[in-house]
Amino acid sequence: MEKLTNDQMENLVRTGYCEDLWTMLTGGNYQGDLAYGWSVYARNCVDQNP
């Protein structure tokens, strides 16, 4: 099994997080402040493609 660097692990975790957040924000399942949700997405996932 290949070992991942810290940067590779962080990118892997963040990619899943961003995909999940995108799905919730666009699918109507987000239950918080929608403007805040999009601001979190913009701040943390700006370089991710859903």
PDB file of N, CA and C in Angstrom:
ATOM      1  N   MET A   1       0.844  -1.177   0.000  1.00  0.00           N
ATOM      2  CA  MET A   1       0.000   0.000   0.000  1.00  0.00           C
ATOM      3  C   MET A   1       0.889   1.240   0.000  1.00  0.00           C
ATOM      4  N   GLU A   2       0.539   2.197  -0.834  1.00  0.00           N
ATOM      5  CA  GLU A   2       1.312   3.430  -0.951  1.00  0.00           C
ATOM      6  C   GLU A   2       0.971   4.388   0.178  1.00  0.00           C
ATOM      7  N   LYS A   3       1.998   5.012   0.741  1.00  0.00           N
ATOM      8  CA  LYS A   3       1.775   6.013   1.784  1.00  0.00           C
ATOM      9  C   LYS A   3       1.557   7.370   1.126  1.00  0.00           C
ATOM     10  N   LEU A   4       0.623   8.125   1.674  1.00  0.00           N
ATOM     11  CA  LEU A   4       0.338   9.457   1.149  1.00  0.00           C
ATOM     12  C   LEU A   4       1.034  10.516   1.993  1.00  0.00           C
ATOM     13  N   THR A   5       1.430  11.593   1.341  1.00  0.00           N
ATOM     14  CA  THR A   5       1.984  12.720   2.076  1.00  0.00           C
ATOM     15  C   THR A   5       0.849  13.465   2.758  1.00  0.00           C
ATOM     16  N   ASN A   6       1.186  14.354   3.667  1.00  0.00           N
ATOM     17  CA  ASN A   6       0.157  15.162   4.338  1.00  0.00           C
ATOM     18  C   ASN A   6      -0.648  15.978   3.334  1.00  0.00           C
ATOM     19  N   ASP A   7       0.017  16.547   2.343  1.00  0.00           N
ATOM     20  CA  ASP A   7      -0.694  17.337   1.327  1.00  0.00           C
ATOM     21  C   ASP A   7      -1.662  16.470   0.525  1.00  0.00           C
ATOM     22  N   GLN A   8      -1.254  15.268   0.186  1.00  0.00           N
ATOM     23  CA  GLN A   8      -2.132  14.364  -0.558  1.00  0.00           C
ATOM     24  C   GLN A   8      -3.344  13.967   0.280  1.00  0.00           C
ATOM     25  N   MET A   9      -3.128  13.697   1.557  1.00  0.00           N
ATOM     26  CA  MET A   9      -4.237  13.343   2.451  1.00  0.00           C
ATOM     27  C   MET A   9      -5.209  14.504   2.599  1.00  0.00           C
ATOM     28  N   GLU A  10      -4.673  15.710   2.783  1.00  0.00           N
ATOM     29  CA  GLU A  10      -5.529  16.888   2.949  1.00  0.00           C
ATOM     30  C   GLU A  10      -6.374  17.110   1.710  1.00  0.00           C
ATOM     31  N   ASN A  11      -5.772  16.963   0.539  1.00  0.00           N
ATOM     32  CA  ASN A  11      -6.506  17.154  -0.708  1.00  0.00           C
ATOM     33  C   ASN A  11      -7.592  16.095  -0.867  1.00  0.00           C
ATOM     34  N   LEU A  12      -7.296  14.868  -0.504  1.00  0.00           N
ATOM     35  CA  LEU A  12      -8.269  13.786  -0.597  1.00  0.00           C
ATOM     36  C   LEU A  12      -9.473  14.046   0.302  1.00  0.00           C
ATOM     37  N   VAL A  13      -9.227  14.450   1.531  1.00  0.00           N
ATOM     38  CA  VAL A  13     -10.306  14.730   2.478  1.00  0.00           C
ATOM     39  C   VAL A  13     -11.113  15.934   2.012  1.00  0.00           C
ATOM     40  N   ARG A  14     -10.423  16.992   1.595  1.00  0.00           N
ATOM     41  CA  ARG A  14     -11.116  18.208   1.187  1.00  0.00           C
ATOM     42  C   ARG A  14     -11.954  17.977  -0.056  1.00  0.00           C
ATOM     43  N   THR A  15     -11.472  17.147  -0.975  1.00  0.00           N
ATOM     44  CA  THR A  15     -12.244  16.867  -2.188  1.00  0.00           C
ATOM     45  C   THR A  15     -13.586  16.247  -1.833  1.00  0.00           C
ATOM     46  N   GLY A  16     -13.597  15.249  -0.949  1.00  0.00           N
ATOM     47  CA  GLY A  16     -14.857  14.636  -0.538  1.00  0.00           C
ATOM     48  C   GLY A  16     -15.758  15.614   0.172  1.00  0.00           C
ATOM     49  N   TYR A  17     -15.170  16.450   1.008  1.00  0.00           N
ATOM     50  CA  TYR A  17     -15.926  17.463   1.736  1.00  0.00           C
ATOM     51  C   TYR A  17     -16.580  18.430   0.759  1.00  0.00           C
ATOM     52  N   CYS A  18     -15.817  18.886  -0.212  1.00  0.00           N
ATOM     53  CA  CYS A  18     -16.342  19.854  -1.173  1.00  0.00           C
ATOM     54  C   CYS A  18     -17.443  19.248  -2.030  1.00  0.00           C
ATOM     55  N   GLU A  19     -17.265  18.004  -2.437  1.00  0.00           N
ATOM     56  CA  GLU A  19     -18.308  17.346  -3.222  1.00  0.00           C
ATOM     57  C   GLU A  19     -19.594  17.200  -2.417  1.00  0.00           C
ATOM     58  N   ASP A  20     -19.456  16.812  -1.156  1.00  0.00           N
ATOM     59  CA  ASP A  20     -20.632  16.661  -0.296  1.00  0.00           C
ATOM     60  C   ASP A  20     -21.319  17.998  -0.053  1.00  0.00           C
ATOM     61  N   LEU A  21     -20.527  19.032   0.198  1.00  0.00           N
ATOM     62  CA  LEU A  21     -21.095  20.357   0.440  1.00  0.00           C
ATOM     63  C   LEU A  21     -21.810  20.862  -0.808  1.00  0.00           C
ATOM     64  N   TRP A  22     -21.205  20.679  -1.985  1.00  0.00           N
ATOM     65  CA  TRP A  22     -21.819  21.076  -3.249  1.00  0.00           C
ATOM     66  C   TRP A  22     -23.172  20.383  -3.418  1.00  0.00           C
ATOM     67  N   THR A  23     -23.197  19.086  -3.146  1.00  0.00           N
ATOM     68  CA  THR A  23     -24.435  18.310  -3.290  1.00  0.00           C
ATOM     69  C   THR A  23     -25.516  18.839  -2.361  1.00  0.00           C
ATOM     70  N   MET A  24     -25.151  19.133  -1.129  1.00  0.00           N
ATOM     71  CA  MET A  24     -26.140  19.661  -0.184  1.00  0.00           C
ATOM     72  C   MET A  24     -26.617  21.050  -0.593  1.00  0.00           C
ATOM     73  N   LEU A  25     -25.696  21.913  -1.013  1.00  0.00           N
ATOM     74  CA  LEU A  25     -26.073  23.283  -1.370  1.00  0.00           C
ATOM     75  C   LEU A  25     -26.941  23.336  -2.618  1.00  0.00           C
ATOM     76  N   THR A  26     -26.677  22.468  -3.577  1.00  0.00           N
ATOM     77  CA  THR A  26     -27.435  22.508  -4.828  1.00  0.00           C
ATOM     78  C   THR A  26     -28.632  21.564  -4.832  1.00  0.00           C
ATOM     79  N   GLY A  27     -28.659  20.612  -3.897  1.00  0.00           N
ATOM     80  CA  GLY A  27     -29.727  19.630  -3.883  1.00  0.00           C
ATOM     81  C   GLY A  27     -30.855  19.932  -2.917  1.00  0.00           C
ATOM     82  N   GLY A  28     -30.731  21.023  -2.177  1.00  0.00           N
ATOM     83  CA  GLY A  28     -31.797  21.405  -1.272  1.00  0.00           C
ATOM     84  C   GLY A  28     -31.748  20.743   0.088  1.00  0.00           C
ATOM     85  N   ASN A  29     -30.686  20.008   0.393  1.00  0.00           N
ATOM     86  CA  ASN A  29     -30.598  19.327   1.677  1.00  0.00           C
ATOM     87  C   ASN A  29     -29.836  20.120   2.732  1.00  0.00           C
ATOM     88  N   TYR A  30     -29.352  21.287   2.385  1.00  0.00           N
ATOM     89  CA  TYR A  30     -28.612  22.106   3.339  1.00  0.00           C
ATOM     90  C   TYR A  30     -29.599  22.757   4.291  1.00  0.00           C
ATOM     91  N   GLN A  31     -29.398  22.583   5.597  1.00  0.00           N
ATOM     92  CA  GLN A  31     -30.373  23.047   6.569  1.00  0.00           C
ATOM     93  C   GLN A  31     -29.928  24.274   7.351  1.00  0.00           C
ATOM     94  N   GLY A  32     -28.826  24.869   6.946  1.00  0.00           N
ATOM     95  CA  GLY A  32     -28.341  26.060   7.641  1.00  0.00           C
ATOM     96  C   GLY A  32     -28.587  27.313   6.826  1.00  0.00           C
ATOM     97  N   ASP A  33     -27.884  28.367   7.174  1.00  0.00           N
ATOM     98  CA  ASP A  33     -27.934  29.636   6.453  1.00  0.00           C
ATOM     99  C   ASP A  33     -27.280  29.424   5.085  1.00  0.00           C
ATOM    100  N   LEU A  34     -28.065  29.508   4.035  1.00  0.00           N
ATOM    101  CA  LEU A  34     -27.578  29.212   2.699  1.00  0.00           C
ATOM    102  C   LEU A  34     -26.438  30.142   2.282  1.00  0.00           C
ATOM    103  N   ALA A  35     -26.523  31.411   2.617  1.00  0.00           N
ATOM    104  CA  ALA A  35     -25.451  32.354   2.281  1.00  0.00           C
ATOM    105  C   ALA A  35     -24.153  31.949   2.967  1.00  0.00           C
ATOM    106  N   TYR A  36     -24.243  31.506   4.208  1.00  0.00           N
ATOM    107  CA  TYR A  36     -23.061  31.051   4.930  1.00  0.00           C
ATOM    108  C   TYR A  36     -22.493  29.782   4.291  1.00  0.00           C
ATOM    109  N   GLY A  37     -23.355  28.874   3.916  1.00  0.00           N
ATOM    110  CA  GLY A  37     -22.909  27.647   3.263  1.00  0.00           C
ATOM    111  C   GLY A  37     -22.126  27.939   1.993  1.00  0.00           C
ATOM    112  N   TRP A  38     -22.636  28.869   1.185  1.00  0.00           N
ATOM    113  CA  TRP A  38     -21.916  29.229  -0.042  1.00  0.00           C
ATOM    114  C   TRP A  38     -20.616  29.946   0.265  1.00  0.00           C
ATOM    115  N   SER A  39     -20.578  30.738   1.337  1.00  0.00           N
ATOM    116  CA  SER A  39     -19.327  31.415   1.691  1.00  0.00           C
ATOM    117  C   SER A  39     -18.275  30.405   2.139  1.00  0.00           C
ATOM    118  N   VAL A  40     -18.702  29.362   2.861  1.00  0.00           N
ATOM    119  CA  VAL A  40     -17.777  28.291   3.261  1.00  0.00           C
ATOM    120  C   VAL A  40     -17.263  27.571   2.019  1.00  0.00           C
ATOM    121  N   TYR A  41     -18.151  27.284   1.086  1.00  0.00           N
ATOM    122  CA  TYR A  41     -17.745  26.620  -0.148  1.00  0.00           C
ATOM    123  C   TYR A  41     -16.744  27.484  -0.911  1.00  0.00           C
ATOM    124  N   ALA A  42     -17.029  28.761  -1.045  1.00  0.00           N
ATOM    125  CA  ALA A  42     -16.137  29.664  -1.773  1.00  0.00           C
ATOM    126  C   ALA A  42     -14.770  29.756  -1.103  1.00  0.00           C
ATOM    127  N   ARG A  43     -14.751  29.753   0.199  1.00  0.00           N
ATOM    128  CA  ARG A  43     -13.497  29.884   0.940  1.00  0.00           C
ATOM    129  C   ARG A  43     -12.660  28.602   0.886  1.00  0.00           C
ATOM    130  N   ASN A  44     -13.297  27.452   0.984  1.00  0.00           N
ATOM    131  CA  ASN A  44     -12.561  26.194   1.110  1.00  0.00           C
ATOM    132  C   ASN A  44     -12.495  25.353  -0.155  1.00  0.00           C
ATOM    133  N   CYS A  45     -13.367  25.625  -1.106  1.00  0.00           N
ATOM    134  CA  CYS A  45     -13.475  24.725  -2.253  1.00  0.00           C
ATOM    135  C   CYS A  45     -13.353  25.463  -3.580  1.00  0.00           C
ATOM    136  N   VAL A  46     -12.843  26.648  -3.564  1.00  0.00           N
ATOM    137  CA  VAL A  46     -12.803  27.460  -4.773  1.00  0.00           C
ATOM    138  C   VAL A  46     -12.026  26.768  -5.901  1.00  0.00           C
ATOM    139  N   ASP A  47     -11.055  25.933  -5.557  1.00  0.00           N
ATOM    140  CA  ASP A  47     -10.259  25.263  -6.592  1.00  0.00           C
ATOM    141  C   ASP A  47     -10.767  23.860  -6.909  1.00  0.00           C
ATOM    142  N   GLN A  48     -11.927  23.506  -6.388  1.00  0.00           N
ATOM    143  CA  GLN A  48     -12.501  22.179  -6.628  1.00  0.00           C
ATOM    144  C   GLN A  48     -13.606  22.288  -7.680  1.00  0.00           C
ATOM    145  N   ASN A  49     -13.713  21.290  -8.529  1.00  0.00           N
ATOM    146  CA  ASN A  49     -14.808  21.224  -9.493  1.00  0.00           C
ATOM    147  C   ASN A  49     -15.792  20.164  -9.026  1.00  0.00           C
ATOM    148  N   PRO A  50     -17.063  20.541  -8.859  1.00  0.00           N
ATOM    149  CA  PRO A  50     -18.051  19.540  -8.418  1.00  0.00           C
ATOM    150  C   PRO A  50     -18.324  18.492  -9.486  1.00  0.00           C
TER     151      PRO A  50
END
